[in-house]
Structure formats: C-alpha cells, structure tokens
PDB file of all heavy atoms in Angstrom:
ATOM      1  N   TYR A   1      78.662  89.978 112.636  1.00  0.00           N
ATOM      2  CA  TYR A   1      79.355  90.712 111.567  1.00  0.00           C
ATOM      3  C   TYR A   1      80.685  90.099 111.189  1.00  0.00           C
ATOM      4  O   TYR A   1      81.140  90.304 110.050  1.00  0.00           O
ATOM      5  CB  TYR A   1      79.553  92.180 111.985  1.00  0.00           C
ATOM      6  CG  TYR A   1      78.251  92.961 112.145  1.00  0.00           C
ATOM      7  CD1 TYR A   1      78.197  94.092 112.958  1.00  0.00           C
ATOM      8  CD2 TYR A   1      77.088  92.556 111.512  1.00  0.00           C
ATOM      9  CE1 TYR A   1      77.025  94.795 113.123  1.00  0.00           C
ATOM     10  CE2 TYR A   1      75.916  93.268 111.689  1.00  0.00           C
ATOM     11  CZ  TYR A   1      75.901  94.368 112.472  1.00  0.00           C
ATOM     12  OH  TYR A   1      74.704  95.084 112.644  1.00  0.00           O
ATOM     13  N   VAL A   2      81.306  89.393 112.107  1.00  0.00           N
ATOM     14  CA  VAL A   2      82.571  88.744 111.778  1.00  0.00           C
ATOM     15  C   VAL A   2      82.421  87.212 111.674  1.00  0.00           C
ATOM     16  O   VAL A   2      83.304  86.563 111.072  1.00  0.00           O
ATOM     17  CB  VAL A   2      83.654  89.054 112.820  1.00  0.00           C
ATOM     18  CG1 VAL A   2      84.075  90.535 112.733  1.00  0.00           C
ATOM     19  CG2 VAL A   2      83.210  88.738 114.232  1.00  0.00           C
ATOM     20  N   ALA A   3      81.362  86.686 112.264  1.00  0.00           N
ATOM     21  CA  ALA A   3      81.200  85.219 112.218  1.00  0.00           C
ATOM     22  C   ALA A   3      80.562  84.749 110.886  1.00  0.00           C
ATOM     23  O   ALA A   3      80.800  83.641 110.430  1.00  0.00           O
ATOM     24  CB  ALA A   3      80.321  84.755 113.375  1.00  0.00           C
ATOM     25  N   ASP A   4      79.777  85.623 110.304  1.00  0.00           N
ATOM     26  CA  ASP A   4      79.059  85.276 109.061  1.00  0.00           C
ATOM     27  C   ASP A   4      79.705  86.081 107.892  1.00  0.00           C
ATOM     28  O   ASP A   4      79.638  87.304 107.879  1.00  0.00           O
ATOM     29  CB  ASP A   4      77.598  85.633 109.183  1.00  0.00           C
ATOM     30  CG  ASP A   4      76.745  85.099 107.993  1.00  0.00           C
ATOM     31  OD1 ASP A   4      77.240  85.141 106.880  1.00  0.00           O
ATOM     32  OD2 ASP A   4      75.601  84.696 108.244  1.00  0.00           O
ATOM     33  N   GLU A   5      80.334  85.349 107.010  1.00  0.00           N
ATOM     34  CA  GLU A   5      81.104  86.006 105.913  1.00  0.00           C
ATOM     35  C   GLU A   5      80.225  86.887 105.035  1.00  0.00           C
ATOM     36  O   GLU A   5      80.703  87.845 104.421  1.00  0.00           O
ATOM     37  CB  GLU A   5      81.820  84.987 105.081  1.00  0.00           C
ATOM     38  CG  GLU A   5      80.919  84.020 104.302  1.00  0.00           C
ATOM     39  CD  GLU A   5      81.757  83.076 103.434  1.00  0.00           C
ATOM     40  OE1 GLU A   5      82.966  83.053 103.563  1.00  0.00           O
ATOM     41  OE2 GLU A   5      81.123  82.386 102.629  1.00  0.00           O
ATOM     42  N   ARG A   6      78.926  86.599 104.973  1.00  0.00           N
ATOM     43  CA  ARG A   6      78.053  87.431 104.164  1.00  0.00           C
ATOM     44  C   ARG A   6      77.977  88.855 104.741  1.00  0.00           C
ATOM     45  O   ARG A   6      78.012  89.830 104.000  1.00  0.00           O
ATOM     46  CB  ARG A   6      76.626  86.825 104.129  1.00  0.00           C
ATOM     47  CG  ARG A   6      76.571  85.478 103.377  1.00  0.00           C
ATOM     48  CD  ARG A   6      75.236  84.816 103.584  1.00  0.00           C
ATOM     49  NE  ARG A   6      75.003  84.490 105.001  1.00  0.00           N
ATOM     50  CZ  ARG A   6      73.910  83.937 105.446  1.00  0.00           C
ATOM     51  NH1 ARG A   6      72.915  83.626 104.639  1.00  0.00           N
ATOM     52  NH2 ARG A   6      73.759  83.646 106.740  1.00  0.00           N
ATOM     53  N   PHE A   7      77.852  88.968 106.047  1.00  0.00           N
ATOM     54  CA  PHE A   7      77.837  90.262 106.704  1.00  0.00           C
ATOM     55  C   PHE A   7      79.209  90.943 106.568  1.00  0.00           C
ATOM     56  O   PHE A   7      79.282  92.143 106.330  1.00  0.00           O
ATOM     57  CB  PHE A   7      77.489  90.141 108.198  1.00  0.00           C
ATOM     58  CG  PHE A   7      76.031  89.900 108.424  1.00  0.00           C
ATOM     59  CD1 PHE A   7      75.526  88.624 108.609  1.00  0.00           C
ATOM     60  CD2 PHE A   7      75.118  90.970 108.476  1.00  0.00           C
ATOM     61  CE1 PHE A   7      74.176  88.386 108.811  1.00  0.00           C
ATOM     62  CE2 PHE A   7      73.757  90.739 108.708  1.00  0.00           C
ATOM     63  CZ  PHE A   7      73.289  89.457 108.874  1.00  0.00           C
ATOM     64  N   THR A   8      80.244  90.170 106.747  1.00  0.00           N
ATOM     65  CA  THR A   8      81.613  90.702 106.669  1.00  0.00           C
ATOM     66  C   THR A   8      81.883  91.337 105.296  1.00  0.00           C
ATOM     67  O   THR A   8      82.365  92.475 105.198  1.00  0.00           O
ATOM     68  CB  THR A   8      82.643  89.603 106.960  1.00  0.00           C
ATOM     69  OG1 THR A   8      82.414  89.039 108.250  1.00  0.00           O
ATOM     70  CG2 THR A   8      84.042  90.208 106.942  1.00  0.00           C
ATOM     71  N   LYS A   9      81.550  90.589 104.237  1.00  0.00           N
ATOM     72  CA  LYS A   9      81.767  91.092 102.892  1.00  0.00           C
ATOM     73  C   LYS A   9      80.964  92.360 102.613  1.00  0.00           C
ATOM     74  O   LYS A   9      81.456  93.302 101.992  1.00  0.00           O
ATOM     75  CB  LYS A   9      81.423  90.007 101.886  1.00  0.00           C
ATOM     76  CG  LYS A   9      82.412  88.858 101.832  1.00  0.00           C
ATOM     77  CD  LYS A   9      81.986  87.822 100.774  1.00  0.00           C
ATOM     78  CE  LYS A   9      82.953  86.656 100.731  1.00  0.00           C
ATOM     79  NZ  LYS A   9      82.523  85.639  99.736  1.00  0.00           N
ATOM     80  N   ASN A  10      79.731  92.361 103.074  1.00  0.00           N
ATOM     81  CA  ASN A  10      78.860  93.537 102.817  1.00  0.00           C
ATOM     82  C   ASN A  10      79.396  94.770 103.537  1.00  0.00           C
ATOM     83  O   ASN A  10      79.435  95.869 102.971  1.00  0.00           O
ATOM     84  CB  ASN A  10      77.466  93.243 103.280  1.00  0.00           C
ATOM     85  CG  ASN A  10      76.462  94.333 102.897  1.00  0.00           C
ATOM     86  OD1 ASN A  10      76.381  94.746 101.741  1.00  0.00           O
ATOM     87  ND2 ASN A  10      75.717  94.830 103.877  1.00  0.00           N
ATOM     88  N   LEU A  11      79.812  94.605 104.795  1.00  0.00           N
ATOM     89  CA  LEU A  11      80.301  95.778 105.540  1.00  0.00           C
ATOM     90  C   LEU A  11      81.675  96.233 105.049  1.00  0.00           C
ATOM     91  O   LEU A  11      81.965  97.425 105.052  1.00  0.00           O
ATOM     92  CB  LEU A  11      80.381  95.407 107.009  1.00  0.00           C
ATOM     93  CG  LEU A  11      79.048  95.292 107.768  1.00  0.00           C
ATOM     94  CD1 LEU A  11      79.242  94.703 109.142  1.00  0.00           C
ATOM     95  CD2 LEU A  11      78.353  96.658 107.855  1.00  0.00           C
ATOM     96  N   ASP A  12      82.508  95.284 104.633  1.00  0.00           N
ATOM     97  CA  ASP A  12      83.835  95.644 104.152  1.00  0.00           C
ATOM     98  C   ASP A  12      83.813  96.309 102.783  1.00  0.00           C
ATOM     99  O   ASP A  12      84.849  96.819 102.338  1.00  0.00           O
ATOM    100  CB  ASP A  12      84.752  94.389 104.118  1.00  0.00           C
ATOM    101  CG  ASP A  12      85.276  94.032 105.491  1.00  0.00           C
ATOM    102  OD1 ASP A  12      84.962  94.767 106.428  1.00  0.00           O
ATOM    103  OD2 ASP A  12      85.993  93.013 105.600  1.00  0.00           O
ATOM    104  N   LYS A  13      82.640  96.400 102.164  1.00  0.00           N
ATOM    105  CA  LYS A  13      82.515  97.191 100.939  1.00  0.00           C
ATOM    106  C   LYS A  13      82.723  98.665 101.233  1.00  0.00           C
ATOM    107  O   LYS A  13      83.105  99.426 100.358  1.00  0.00           O
ATOM    108  CB  LYS A  13      81.161  96.975 100.303  1.00  0.00           C
ATOM    109  CG  LYS A  13      80.948  95.580  99.704  1.00  0.00           C
ATOM    110  CD  LYS A  13      79.536  95.446  99.119  1.00  0.00           C
ATOM    111  CE  LYS A  13      79.310  94.039  98.566  1.00  0.00           C
ATOM    112  NZ  LYS A  13      77.917  93.849  98.063  1.00  0.00           N
ATOM    113  N   TYR A  14      82.475  99.056 102.502  1.00  0.00           N
ATOM    114  CA  TYR A  14      82.649 100.458 102.879  1.00  0.00           C
ATOM    115  C   TYR A  14      84.114 100.755 103.179  1.00  0.00           C
ATOM    116  O   TYR A  14      84.495 101.925 103.324  1.00  0.00           O
ATOM    117  CB  TYR A  14      81.788 100.782 104.105  1.00  0.00           C
ATOM    118  CG  TYR A  14      80.315 100.739 103.819  1.00  0.00           C
ATOM    119  CD1 TYR A  14      79.620  99.521 103.923  1.00  0.00           C
ATOM    120  CD2 TYR A  14      79.618 101.873 103.430  1.00  0.00           C
ATOM    121  CE1 TYR A  14      78.257  99.474 103.628  1.00  0.00           C
ATOM    122  CE2 TYR A  14      78.268 101.835 103.152  1.00  0.00           C
ATOM    123  CZ  TYR A  14      77.574 100.626 103.247  1.00  0.00           C
ATOM    124  OH  TYR A  14      76.238 100.583 102.956  1.00  0.00           O
ATOM    125  N   GLY A  15      84.940  99.694 103.312  1.00  0.00           N
ATOM    126  CA  GLY A  15      86.333  99.830 103.602  1.00  0.00           C
ATOM    127  C   GLY A  15      86.840  98.586 104.283  1.00  0.00           C
ATOM    128  O   GLY A  15      86.145  98.050 105.141  1.00  0.00           O
ATOM    129  N   GLU A  16      87.998  98.122 103.897  1.00  0.00           N
ATOM    130  CA  GLU A  16      88.544  96.882 104.435  1.00  0.00           C
ATOM    131  C   GLU A  16      88.705  96.987 105.954  1.00  0.00           C
ATOM    132  O   GLU A  16      89.234  97.971 106.487  1.00  0.00           O
ATOM    133  CB  GLU A  16      89.912  96.615 103.830  1.00  0.00           C
ATOM    134  CG  GLU A  16      90.506  95.243 104.169  1.00  0.00           C
ATOM    135  CD  GLU A  16      89.719  94.114 103.500  1.00  0.00           C
ATOM    136  OE1 GLU A  16      89.107  94.360 102.442  1.00  0.00           O
ATOM    137  OE2 GLU A  16      89.742  93.018 104.052  1.00  0.00           O
ATOM    138  N   GLY A  17      88.182  95.979 106.638  1.00  0.00           N
ATOM    139  CA  GLY A  17      88.272  95.971 108.098  1.00  0.00           C
ATOM    140  C   GLY A  17      87.105  96.590 108.822  1.00  0.00           C
ATOM    141  O   GLY A  17      87.070  96.619 110.063  1.00  0.00           O
ATOM    142  N   THR A  18      86.121  97.116 108.066  1.00  0.00           N
ATOM    143  CA  THR A  18      84.983  97.769 108.694  1.00  0.00           C
ATOM    144  C   THR A  18      84.183  96.809 109.601  1.00  0.00           C
ATOM    145  O   THR A  18      83.809  97.167 110.730  1.00  0.00           O
ATOM    146  CB  THR A  18      84.012  98.371 107.655  1.00  0.00           C
ATOM    147  OG1 THR A  18      84.742  99.321 106.855  1.00  0.00           O
ATOM    148  CG2 THR A  18      82.838  99.048 108.268  1.00  0.00           C
ATOM    149  N   ALA A  19      83.951  95.613 109.085  1.00  0.00           N
ATOM    150  CA  ALA A  19      83.161  94.634 109.872  1.00  0.00           C
ATOM    151  C   ALA A  19      83.825  94.330 111.202  1.00  0.00           C
ATOM    152  O   ALA A  19      83.183  94.303 112.259  1.00  0.00           O
ATOM    153  CB  ALA A  19      82.959  93.356 109.060  1.00  0.00           C
ATOM    154  N   ARG A  20      85.131  94.042 111.200  1.00  0.00           N
ATOM    155  CA  ARG A  20      85.808  93.700 112.434  1.00  0.00           C
ATOM    156  C   ARG A  20      85.842  94.885 113.375  1.00  0.00           C
ATOM    157  O   ARG A  20      85.626  94.730 114.598  1.00  0.00           O
ATOM    158  CB  ARG A  20      87.249  93.235 112.155  1.00  0.00           C
ATOM    159  CG  ARG A  20      88.030  92.835 113.398  1.00  0.00           C
ATOM    160  CD  ARG A  20      89.154  91.903 113.100  1.00  0.00           C
ATOM    161  NE  ARG A  20      88.647  90.626 112.590  1.00  0.00           N
ATOM    162  CZ  ARG A  20      88.162  89.665 113.360  1.00  0.00           C
ATOM    163  NH1 ARG A  20      88.076  89.857 114.676  1.00  0.00           N
ATOM    164  NH2 ARG A  20      87.756  88.552 112.830  1.00  0.00           N
ATOM    165  N   PHE A  21      86.118  96.061 112.857  1.00  0.00           N
ATOM    166  CA  PHE A  21      86.169  97.249 113.739  1.00  0.00           C
ATOM    167  C   PHE A  21      84.815  97.480 114.365  1.00  0.00           C
ATOM    168  O   PHE A  21      84.665  97.790 115.570  1.00  0.00           O
ATOM    169  CB  PHE A  21      86.610  98.485 112.971  1.00  0.00           C
ATOM    170  CG  PHE A  21      86.688  99.705 113.815  1.00  0.00           C
ATOM    171  CD1 PHE A  21      87.823  99.995 114.559  1.00  0.00           C
ATOM    172  CD2 PHE A  21      85.609 100.580 113.922  1.00  0.00           C
ATOM    173  CE1 PHE A  21      87.899 101.110 115.385  1.00  0.00           C
ATOM    174  CE2 PHE A  21      85.666 101.710 114.719  1.00  0.00           C
ATOM    175  CZ  PHE A  21      86.815 101.989 115.461  1.00  0.00           C
ATOM    176  N   MET A  22      83.770  97.371 113.553  1.00  0.00           N
ATOM    177  CA  MET A  22      82.402  97.582 114.028  1.00  0.00           C
ATOM    178  C   MET A  22      82.041  96.569 115.121  1.00  0.00           C
ATOM    179  O   MET A  22      81.450  96.908 116.135  1.00  0.00           O
ATOM    180  CB  MET A  22      81.437  97.510 112.846  1.00  0.00           C
ATOM    181  CG  MET A  22      80.055  98.012 113.134  1.00  0.00           C
ATOM    182  SD  MET A  22      79.120  98.106 111.582  1.00  0.00           S
ATOM    183  CE  MET A  22      77.514  98.581 112.261  1.00  0.00           C
ATOM    184  N   SER A  23      82.445  95.305 114.890  1.00  0.00           N
ATOM    185  CA  SER A  23      82.205  94.245 115.842  1.00  0.00           C
ATOM    186  C   SER A  23      82.912  94.548 117.172  1.00  0.00           C
ATOM    187  O   SER A  23      82.310  94.407 118.242  1.00  0.00           O
ATOM    188  CB  SER A  23      82.655  92.880 115.280  1.00  0.00           C
ATOM    189  OG  SER A  23      82.493  91.855 116.251  1.00  0.00           O
ATOM    190  N   GLU A  24      84.170  94.986 117.096  1.00  0.00           N
ATOM    191  CA  GLU A  24      84.930  95.280 118.303  1.00  0.00           C
ATOM    192  C   GLU A  24      84.350  96.492 119.018  1.00  0.00           C
ATOM    193  O   GLU A  24      84.326  96.529 120.280  1.00  0.00           O
ATOM    194  CB  GLU A  24      86.399  95.514 117.935  1.00  0.00           C
ATOM    195  CG  GLU A  24      87.074  94.261 117.439  1.00  0.00           C
ATOM    196  CD  GLU A  24      88.483  94.541 116.892  1.00  0.00           C
ATOM    197  OE1 GLU A  24      88.849  95.724 116.785  1.00  0.00           O
ATOM    198  OE2 GLU A  24      89.202  93.581 116.606  1.00  0.00           O
ATOM    199  N   ALA A  25      83.906  97.479 118.283  1.00  0.00           N
ATOM    200  CA  ALA A  25      83.315  98.689 118.870  1.00  0.00           C
ATOM    201  C   ALA A  25      82.032  98.332 119.601  1.00  0.00           C
ATOM    202  O   ALA A  25      81.738  98.826 120.693  1.00  0.00           O
ATOM    203  CB  ALA A  25      83.085  99.734 117.809  1.00  0.00           C
ATOM    204  N   ILE A  26      81.180  97.495 118.974  1.00  0.00           N
ATOM    205  CA  ILE A  26      79.918  97.081 119.609  1.00  0.00           C
ATOM    206  C   ILE A  26      80.233  96.283 120.871  1.00  0.00           C
ATOM    207  O   ILE A  26      79.582  96.460 121.904  1.00  0.00           O
ATOM    208  CB  ILE A  26      79.115  96.239 118.601  1.00  0.00           C
ATOM    209  CG1 ILE A  26      78.559  97.158 117.490  1.00  0.00           C
ATOM    210  CG2 ILE A  26      77.977  95.523 119.319  1.00  0.00           C
ATOM    211  CD1 ILE A  26      77.828  96.427 116.386  1.00  0.00           C
TER     212      ILE A  26
END
C-alpha cells in the first residue's frame, strides 16, 4: 500500500495519509 504508488493514490482518495496509516495498522 505504501511501496506501490498506484495503491497509495487509490487509498489516499479516501483521505490524505490513509494508505500509510493502513499500512502501519496492518
């Protein structure tokens, strides 16, 4: 989710920082 910018951009559409937070939570 943070290594691949395609996933990062898609998740961050729900709110800036969503991808990184989700990655850290997982």
